[in-house]
């Protein structure tokens, strides 16, 4: 099981039971895409976000895998997806630390999904204690 976290704290996973999650490469293999079901795509960390752009209107959620907390590619991919115009849900899944939560939200990640074991080590209060206010750099650039 996993625990989903958004800017309000621990939340229930509201991904519908009839939702379909496909690997990124399934979009090109001729696999039929669901027509009447919500679609999630598990993004390939090595893929180019521009390749997903033609499917933005069909994809309800992009899942970005984080294999380790030291791998920041998921943050870059989330920012690129938002810059390309993706407006659906972006969920980081895997090894995300509480200290990385603010950065995840700032680059456009809506939710983080962690293991139940990590949720026990890092309870909801820790995630809620993360400041969501603007960073000092935003305030500095606004003053110019």
N, C-alpha and C. Protein backbone atom coordinates (compact mmCIF):
# COMPACT_ATOMS: atom_id res chain seq x y z
N UNK A 1 0.83 -1.19 0.00
CA UNK A 1 0.00 0.00 0.00
C UNK A 1 0.87 1.25 0.00
N UNK A 2 0.24 2.34 -0.34
CA UNK A 2 0.94 3.61 -0.33
C UNK A 2 0.10 4.66 0.38
N UNK A 3 0.77 5.70 0.80
CA UNK A 3 0.11 6.86 1.41
C UNK A 3 0.28 8.03 0.46
N UNK A 4 -0.82 8.68 0.13
CA UNK A 4 -0.79 9.84 -0.75
C UNK A 4 -0.80 11.10 0.10
N UNK A 5 0.01 12.07 -0.32
CA UNK A 5 0.14 13.33 0.41
C UNK A 5 -0.04 14.46 -0.59
N UNK A 6 -0.83 15.46 -0.21
CA UNK A 6 -0.89 16.69 -1.00
C UNK A 6 -0.62 17.86 -0.05
N UNK A 7 -0.83 19.06 -0.49
CA UNK A 7 -0.45 20.21 0.33
C UNK A 7 -1.27 20.32 1.62
N UNK A 8 -2.35 19.55 1.74
CA UNK A 8 -3.15 19.58 2.96
C UNK A 8 -2.73 18.50 3.95
N UNK A 9 -1.93 17.53 3.53
CA UNK A 9 -1.51 16.44 4.41
C UNK A 9 -1.83 15.09 3.80
N UNK A 10 -1.98 14.09 4.63
CA UNK A 10 -2.30 12.74 4.16
C UNK A 10 -3.73 12.75 3.63
N UNK A 11 -3.92 12.20 2.45
CA UNK A 11 -5.24 12.14 1.84
C UNK A 11 -5.48 10.73 1.31
N UNK A 12 -6.75 10.43 1.11
CA UNK A 12 -7.10 9.15 0.51
C UNK A 12 -6.70 9.16 -0.96
N UNK A 13 -6.31 8.02 -1.46
CA UNK A 13 -6.00 7.91 -2.88
C UNK A 13 -7.33 7.91 -3.63
N UNK A 14 -7.61 8.98 -4.32
CA UNK A 14 -8.89 9.12 -5.01
C UNK A 14 -8.83 8.69 -6.47
N UNK A 15 -7.74 8.03 -6.87
CA UNK A 15 -7.69 7.52 -8.23
C UNK A 15 -8.79 6.48 -8.35
N UNK A 16 -9.68 6.64 -9.34
CA UNK A 16 -10.84 5.74 -9.43
C UNK A 16 -10.45 4.28 -9.66
N UNK A 17 -11.25 3.39 -9.12
CA UNK A 17 -10.99 1.96 -9.26
C UNK A 17 -11.00 1.51 -10.72
N UNK A 18 -11.78 2.19 -11.54
CA UNK A 18 -11.83 1.82 -12.95
C UNK A 18 -10.76 2.54 -13.77
N UNK A 19 -9.91 3.32 -13.09
CA UNK A 19 -8.83 4.01 -13.79
C UNK A 19 -7.79 3.03 -14.31
N UNK A 20 -7.16 3.38 -15.41
CA UNK A 20 -6.16 2.53 -16.05
C UNK A 20 -4.81 3.22 -15.95
N UNK A 21 -3.80 2.48 -15.52
CA UNK A 21 -2.44 3.01 -15.48
C UNK A 21 -1.59 2.23 -16.47
N UNK A 22 -1.01 2.95 -17.42
CA UNK A 22 -0.19 2.33 -18.45
C UNK A 22 1.25 2.82 -18.34
N UNK A 23 2.19 1.99 -18.74
CA UNK A 23 3.58 2.47 -18.84
C UNK A 23 3.69 3.46 -20.00
N UNK A 24 4.64 4.34 -19.91
CA UNK A 24 4.83 5.40 -20.91
C UNK A 24 4.91 4.85 -22.33
N UNK A 25 5.65 3.76 -22.53
CA UNK A 25 5.83 3.24 -23.89
C UNK A 25 4.57 2.60 -24.47
N UNK A 26 3.55 2.36 -23.65
CA UNK A 26 2.30 1.77 -24.15
C UNK A 26 1.59 2.73 -25.11
N UNK A 27 1.89 4.01 -25.03
CA UNK A 27 1.26 4.98 -25.92
C UNK A 27 1.67 4.77 -27.37
N UNK A 28 2.82 4.12 -27.59
CA UNK A 28 3.34 3.94 -28.95
C UNK A 28 3.27 2.50 -29.44
N UNK A 29 2.82 1.59 -28.61
CA UNK A 29 2.85 0.18 -28.99
C UNK A 29 1.57 -0.28 -29.67
N UNK A 30 0.65 0.61 -29.87
CA UNK A 30 -0.60 0.24 -30.50
C UNK A 30 -1.63 -0.28 -29.51
N UNK A 31 -1.29 -0.25 -28.23
CA UNK A 31 -2.23 -0.69 -27.21
C UNK A 31 -3.42 0.27 -27.23
N UNK A 32 -4.62 -0.28 -27.16
CA UNK A 32 -5.81 0.56 -27.15
C UNK A 32 -5.85 1.39 -25.88
N UNK A 33 -6.06 2.68 -26.05
CA UNK A 33 -6.20 3.55 -24.89
C UNK A 33 -7.65 3.49 -24.42
N UNK A 34 -7.87 3.54 -23.13
CA UNK A 34 -9.25 3.50 -22.63
C UNK A 34 -10.00 4.75 -23.08
N UNK A 35 -11.24 4.55 -23.46
CA UNK A 35 -12.03 5.68 -23.96
C UNK A 35 -12.84 6.31 -22.84
N UNK A 36 -13.48 5.49 -22.03
CA UNK A 36 -14.37 6.01 -20.99
C UNK A 36 -13.81 5.86 -19.59
N UNK A 37 -12.52 5.58 -19.48
CA UNK A 37 -11.92 5.39 -18.17
C UNK A 37 -10.80 6.40 -17.98
N UNK A 38 -10.60 6.85 -16.75
CA UNK A 38 -9.47 7.74 -16.48
C UNK A 38 -8.16 7.03 -16.81
N UNK A 39 -7.22 7.79 -17.36
CA UNK A 39 -5.94 7.22 -17.79
C UNK A 39 -4.78 7.87 -17.05
N UNK A 40 -3.95 7.03 -16.47
CA UNK A 40 -2.70 7.48 -15.86
C UNK A 40 -1.56 6.88 -16.66
N UNK A 41 -0.48 7.64 -16.78
CA UNK A 41 0.71 7.16 -17.47
C UNK A 41 1.88 7.19 -16.49
N UNK A 42 2.51 6.02 -16.34
CA UNK A 42 3.73 5.94 -15.53
C UNK A 42 4.87 6.39 -16.42
N UNK A 43 5.40 7.57 -16.13
CA UNK A 43 6.39 8.21 -16.99
C UNK A 43 7.72 7.49 -16.90
N UNK A 44 8.37 7.34 -18.03
CA UNK A 44 9.72 6.79 -18.08
C UNK A 44 10.69 7.93 -17.76
N UNK A 45 11.47 7.76 -16.73
CA UNK A 45 12.35 8.83 -16.24
C UNK A 45 13.36 9.28 -17.30
N UNK A 46 13.60 8.45 -18.31
CA UNK A 46 14.54 8.80 -19.37
C UNK A 46 13.85 9.41 -20.59
N UNK A 47 12.54 9.47 -20.58
CA UNK A 47 11.79 9.94 -21.75
C UNK A 47 11.76 11.46 -21.84
N UNK A 48 11.48 11.93 -23.02
CA UNK A 48 11.36 13.35 -23.28
C UNK A 48 9.91 13.76 -23.02
N UNK A 49 9.66 14.71 -22.13
CA UNK A 49 8.28 15.12 -21.83
C UNK A 49 7.52 15.61 -23.07
N UNK A 50 8.22 16.13 -24.06
CA UNK A 50 7.55 16.59 -25.27
C UNK A 50 6.83 15.44 -25.99
N UNK A 51 7.31 14.22 -25.80
CA UNK A 51 6.67 13.07 -26.44
C UNK A 51 5.29 12.77 -25.86
N UNK A 52 5.01 13.26 -24.66
CA UNK A 52 3.71 13.03 -24.06
C UNK A 52 2.70 14.11 -24.47
N UNK A 53 3.19 15.23 -24.97
CA UNK A 53 2.31 16.36 -25.30
C UNK A 53 1.11 16.00 -26.17
N UNK A 54 1.24 15.16 -27.20
CA UNK A 54 0.05 14.85 -28.00
C UNK A 54 -1.06 14.14 -27.23
N UNK A 55 -0.74 13.60 -26.07
CA UNK A 55 -1.72 12.86 -25.27
C UNK A 55 -2.19 13.64 -24.04
N UNK A 56 -1.78 14.90 -23.90
CA UNK A 56 -2.15 15.67 -22.72
C UNK A 56 -3.65 15.67 -22.47
N UNK A 57 -4.44 15.76 -23.51
CA UNK A 57 -5.89 15.83 -23.33
C UNK A 57 -6.51 14.48 -22.96
N UNK A 58 -5.76 13.40 -23.08
CA UNK A 58 -6.27 12.08 -22.75
C UNK A 58 -5.75 11.54 -21.41
N UNK A 59 -4.65 12.11 -20.93
CA UNK A 59 -4.00 11.62 -19.72
C UNK A 59 -4.46 12.44 -18.51
N UNK A 60 -5.07 11.74 -17.55
CA UNK A 60 -5.59 12.41 -16.35
C UNK A 60 -4.52 12.55 -15.27
N UNK A 61 -3.55 11.62 -15.25
CA UNK A 61 -2.52 11.66 -14.23
C UNK A 61 -1.21 11.14 -14.81
N UNK A 62 -0.12 11.82 -14.48
CA UNK A 62 1.22 11.35 -14.81
C UNK A 62 1.87 10.94 -13.49
N UNK A 63 2.40 9.73 -13.46
CA UNK A 63 3.10 9.22 -12.28
C UNK A 63 4.59 9.28 -12.58
N UNK A 64 5.31 10.04 -11.77
CA UNK A 64 6.76 10.16 -11.93
C UNK A 64 7.45 9.31 -10.87
N UNK A 65 8.17 8.27 -11.30
CA UNK A 65 8.83 7.41 -10.32
C UNK A 65 10.11 8.05 -9.77
N UNK A 66 10.28 7.95 -8.47
CA UNK A 66 11.49 8.41 -7.81
C UNK A 66 12.15 7.19 -7.20
N UNK A 67 13.19 6.67 -7.86
CA UNK A 67 13.88 5.48 -7.38
C UNK A 67 14.67 5.72 -6.12
N UNK A 68 15.25 6.91 -6.01
CA UNK A 68 15.98 7.30 -4.80
C UNK A 68 15.72 8.77 -4.54
N UNK A 69 15.91 9.18 -3.31
CA UNK A 69 15.70 10.59 -2.97
C UNK A 69 16.81 11.47 -3.54
N UNK A 70 17.90 10.87 -3.98
CA UNK A 70 19.00 11.65 -4.55
C UNK A 70 18.83 11.90 -6.05
N UNK A 71 17.82 11.31 -6.66
CA UNK A 71 17.60 11.45 -8.10
C UNK A 71 16.57 12.55 -8.34
N UNK A 72 17.03 13.68 -8.82
CA UNK A 72 16.16 14.83 -9.00
C UNK A 72 15.50 14.95 -10.36
N UNK A 73 15.64 13.95 -11.21
CA UNK A 73 15.07 14.04 -12.56
C UNK A 73 13.56 14.21 -12.54
N UNK A 74 12.89 13.62 -11.58
CA UNK A 74 11.44 13.76 -11.49
C UNK A 74 11.01 15.21 -11.30
N UNK A 75 11.80 15.98 -10.56
CA UNK A 75 11.49 17.40 -10.38
C UNK A 75 11.59 18.14 -11.71
N UNK A 76 12.64 17.85 -12.45
CA UNK A 76 12.82 18.49 -13.75
C UNK A 76 11.71 18.10 -14.72
N UNK A 77 11.33 16.83 -14.71
CA UNK A 77 10.27 16.37 -15.60
C UNK A 77 8.94 17.02 -15.27
N UNK A 78 8.63 17.16 -13.98
CA UNK A 78 7.38 17.82 -13.60
C UNK A 78 7.35 19.26 -14.09
N UNK A 79 8.44 19.98 -13.91
CA UNK A 79 8.50 21.37 -14.36
C UNK A 79 8.34 21.44 -15.88
N UNK A 80 9.01 20.54 -16.60
CA UNK A 80 8.89 20.55 -18.06
C UNK A 80 7.48 20.23 -18.52
N UNK A 81 6.82 19.27 -17.87
CA UNK A 81 5.44 18.94 -18.22
C UNK A 81 4.53 20.16 -18.03
N UNK A 82 4.70 20.87 -16.93
CA UNK A 82 3.89 22.07 -16.68
C UNK A 82 4.20 23.17 -17.71
N UNK A 83 5.46 23.34 -18.03
CA UNK A 83 5.83 24.36 -19.02
C UNK A 83 5.28 24.03 -20.41
N UNK A 84 5.13 22.74 -20.69
CA UNK A 84 4.57 22.32 -21.98
C UNK A 84 3.05 22.44 -22.01
N UNK A 85 2.44 22.68 -20.85
CA UNK A 85 1.00 22.90 -20.80
C UNK A 85 0.19 21.77 -20.21
N UNK A 86 0.82 20.78 -19.60
CA UNK A 86 0.06 19.70 -18.98
C UNK A 86 -0.63 20.26 -17.73
N UNK A 87 -1.95 20.08 -17.64
CA UNK A 87 -2.72 20.60 -16.52
C UNK A 87 -3.30 19.51 -15.63
N UNK A 88 -3.10 18.25 -15.98
CA UNK A 88 -3.63 17.15 -15.17
C UNK A 88 -2.83 16.96 -13.90
N UNK A 89 -3.16 15.91 -13.20
CA UNK A 89 -2.53 15.57 -11.93
C UNK A 89 -1.14 14.99 -12.16
N UNK A 90 -0.17 15.48 -11.40
CA UNK A 90 1.18 14.90 -11.42
C UNK A 90 1.44 14.34 -10.03
N UNK A 91 1.76 13.03 -10.00
CA UNK A 91 2.03 12.35 -8.74
C UNK A 91 3.46 11.82 -8.74
N UNK A 92 4.25 12.23 -7.76
CA UNK A 92 5.57 11.66 -7.55
C UNK A 92 5.38 10.40 -6.70
N UNK A 93 6.04 9.33 -7.09
CA UNK A 93 5.87 8.08 -6.36
C UNK A 93 7.23 7.47 -6.06
N UNK A 94 7.44 7.13 -4.80
CA UNK A 94 8.68 6.48 -4.43
C UNK A 94 9.39 7.20 -3.31
N UNK A 95 10.67 7.38 -3.48
CA UNK A 95 11.52 7.91 -2.42
C UNK A 95 11.58 9.44 -2.46
N UNK A 96 10.61 10.05 -1.84
CA UNK A 96 10.56 11.50 -1.69
C UNK A 96 10.69 11.78 -0.20
N UNK A 97 11.57 12.69 0.14
CA UNK A 97 11.77 13.04 1.54
C UNK A 97 10.89 14.22 1.92
N UNK A 98 10.59 14.34 3.19
CA UNK A 98 9.82 15.48 3.68
C UNK A 98 10.51 16.78 3.27
N UNK A 99 11.83 16.81 3.34
CA UNK A 99 12.59 18.02 2.98
C UNK A 99 12.45 18.38 1.51
N UNK A 100 12.02 17.45 0.68
CA UNK A 100 11.87 17.70 -0.75
C UNK A 100 10.43 18.08 -1.13
N UNK A 101 9.53 18.03 -0.18
CA UNK A 101 8.11 18.24 -0.45
C UNK A 101 7.83 19.63 -1.01
N UNK A 102 8.38 20.65 -0.41
CA UNK A 102 8.16 22.01 -0.89
C UNK A 102 8.64 22.16 -2.32
N UNK A 103 9.81 21.63 -2.62
CA UNK A 103 10.35 21.71 -3.99
C UNK A 103 9.43 20.97 -4.96
N UNK A 104 8.90 19.83 -4.53
CA UNK A 104 7.99 19.06 -5.39
C UNK A 104 6.76 19.89 -5.74
N UNK A 105 6.17 20.52 -4.76
CA UNK A 105 4.98 21.35 -5.02
C UNK A 105 5.32 22.54 -5.91
N UNK A 106 6.47 23.13 -5.71
CA UNK A 106 6.85 24.33 -6.49
C UNK A 106 7.09 24.03 -7.96
N UNK A 107 7.49 22.79 -8.30
CA UNK A 107 7.72 22.46 -9.71
C UNK A 107 6.48 21.92 -10.39
N UNK A 108 5.39 21.79 -9.65
CA UNK A 108 4.14 21.37 -10.28
C UNK A 108 3.63 20.00 -9.90
N UNK A 109 4.30 19.33 -8.98
CA UNK A 109 3.82 18.04 -8.51
C UNK A 109 2.65 18.30 -7.56
N UNK A 110 1.54 17.60 -7.79
CA UNK A 110 0.34 17.80 -6.98
C UNK A 110 0.30 16.88 -5.77
N UNK A 111 0.81 15.67 -5.94
CA UNK A 111 0.74 14.66 -4.89
C UNK A 111 2.05 13.87 -4.83
N UNK A 112 2.31 13.35 -3.65
CA UNK A 112 3.43 12.45 -3.44
C UNK A 112 2.85 11.16 -2.87
N UNK A 113 3.28 10.03 -3.39
CA UNK A 113 2.85 8.73 -2.87
C UNK A 113 4.07 8.02 -2.31
N UNK A 114 4.00 7.70 -1.04
CA UNK A 114 5.11 7.03 -0.36
C UNK A 114 4.63 5.70 0.19
N UNK A 115 5.58 4.85 0.57
CA UNK A 115 5.23 3.55 1.15
C UNK A 115 4.64 3.75 2.55
N UNK A 116 3.89 2.76 3.00
CA UNK A 116 3.35 2.81 4.35
C UNK A 116 4.46 2.86 5.39
N UNK A 117 5.57 2.16 5.09
CA UNK A 117 6.71 2.18 6.02
C UNK A 117 7.26 3.59 6.18
N UNK A 118 7.39 4.31 5.06
CA UNK A 118 7.89 5.68 5.16
C UNK A 118 6.88 6.57 5.86
N UNK A 119 5.61 6.33 5.63
CA UNK A 119 4.57 7.12 6.30
C UNK A 119 4.64 6.93 7.81
N UNK A 120 5.04 5.75 8.27
CA UNK A 120 5.21 5.53 9.71
C UNK A 120 6.43 6.28 10.23
N UNK A 121 7.52 6.30 9.42
CA UNK A 121 8.73 7.03 9.83
C UNK A 121 8.53 8.53 9.76
N UNK A 122 7.75 8.98 8.78
CA UNK A 122 7.50 10.41 8.56
C UNK A 122 5.99 10.64 8.63
N UNK A 123 5.45 10.81 9.82
CA UNK A 123 4.00 10.96 9.96
C UNK A 123 3.49 12.28 9.35
N UNK A 124 2.20 12.36 9.27
CA UNK A 124 1.55 13.50 8.61
C UNK A 124 2.00 14.84 9.17
N UNK A 125 2.21 14.92 10.47
CA UNK A 125 2.61 16.19 11.08
C UNK A 125 3.90 16.73 10.47
N UNK A 126 4.83 15.84 10.11
CA UNK A 126 6.07 16.28 9.50
C UNK A 126 5.81 16.90 8.13
N UNK A 127 4.94 16.28 7.33
CA UNK A 127 4.64 16.80 6.00
C UNK A 127 3.90 18.12 6.11
N UNK A 128 3.01 18.24 7.09
CA UNK A 128 2.25 19.47 7.25
C UNK A 128 3.10 20.61 7.80
N UNK A 129 4.21 20.29 8.41
CA UNK A 129 5.06 21.35 8.97
C UNK A 129 5.92 22.03 7.91
N UNK A 130 5.91 21.52 6.69
CA UNK A 130 6.69 22.12 5.61
C UNK A 130 6.06 23.44 5.22
N UNK A 131 6.86 24.49 5.22
CA UNK A 131 6.36 25.82 4.85
C UNK A 131 6.03 25.85 3.36
N UNK A 132 4.84 26.34 3.04
CA UNK A 132 4.42 26.44 1.65
C UNK A 132 4.46 27.89 1.17
N UNK A 133 5.05 28.77 1.98
CA UNK A 133 5.14 30.17 1.58
C UNK A 133 6.17 30.34 0.47
N UNK A 134 6.14 31.50 -0.14
CA UNK A 134 7.09 31.78 -1.22
C UNK A 134 8.52 31.68 -0.69
N UNK A 135 9.42 31.30 -1.56
CA UNK A 135 10.83 31.27 -1.20
C UNK A 135 11.42 32.66 -1.25
N UNK A 136 12.56 32.83 -0.66
CA UNK A 136 13.19 34.14 -0.63
C UNK A 136 13.56 34.63 -2.02
N UNK A 137 13.86 33.70 -2.94
CA UNK A 137 14.23 34.12 -4.30
C UNK A 137 13.05 34.78 -5.00
N UNK A 138 11.85 34.26 -4.79
CA UNK A 138 10.67 34.87 -5.39
C UNK A 138 10.49 36.28 -4.89
N UNK A 139 10.68 36.48 -3.60
CA UNK A 139 10.55 37.83 -3.02
C UNK A 139 11.64 38.75 -3.54
N UNK A 140 12.85 38.24 -3.73
CA UNK A 140 13.94 39.08 -4.24
C UNK A 140 13.66 39.55 -5.66
N UNK A 141 13.21 38.64 -6.52
CA UNK A 141 12.95 39.00 -7.91
C UNK A 141 11.75 39.92 -8.04
N UNK A 142 10.80 39.81 -7.13
CA UNK A 142 9.61 40.69 -7.16
C UNK A 142 10.00 42.11 -6.79
N UNK A 143 11.07 42.27 -6.03
CA UNK A 143 11.49 43.61 -5.59
C UNK A 143 12.18 44.39 -6.71
N UNK A 144 12.63 43.70 -7.74
CA UNK A 144 13.36 44.38 -8.82
C UNK A 144 12.45 45.19 -9.70
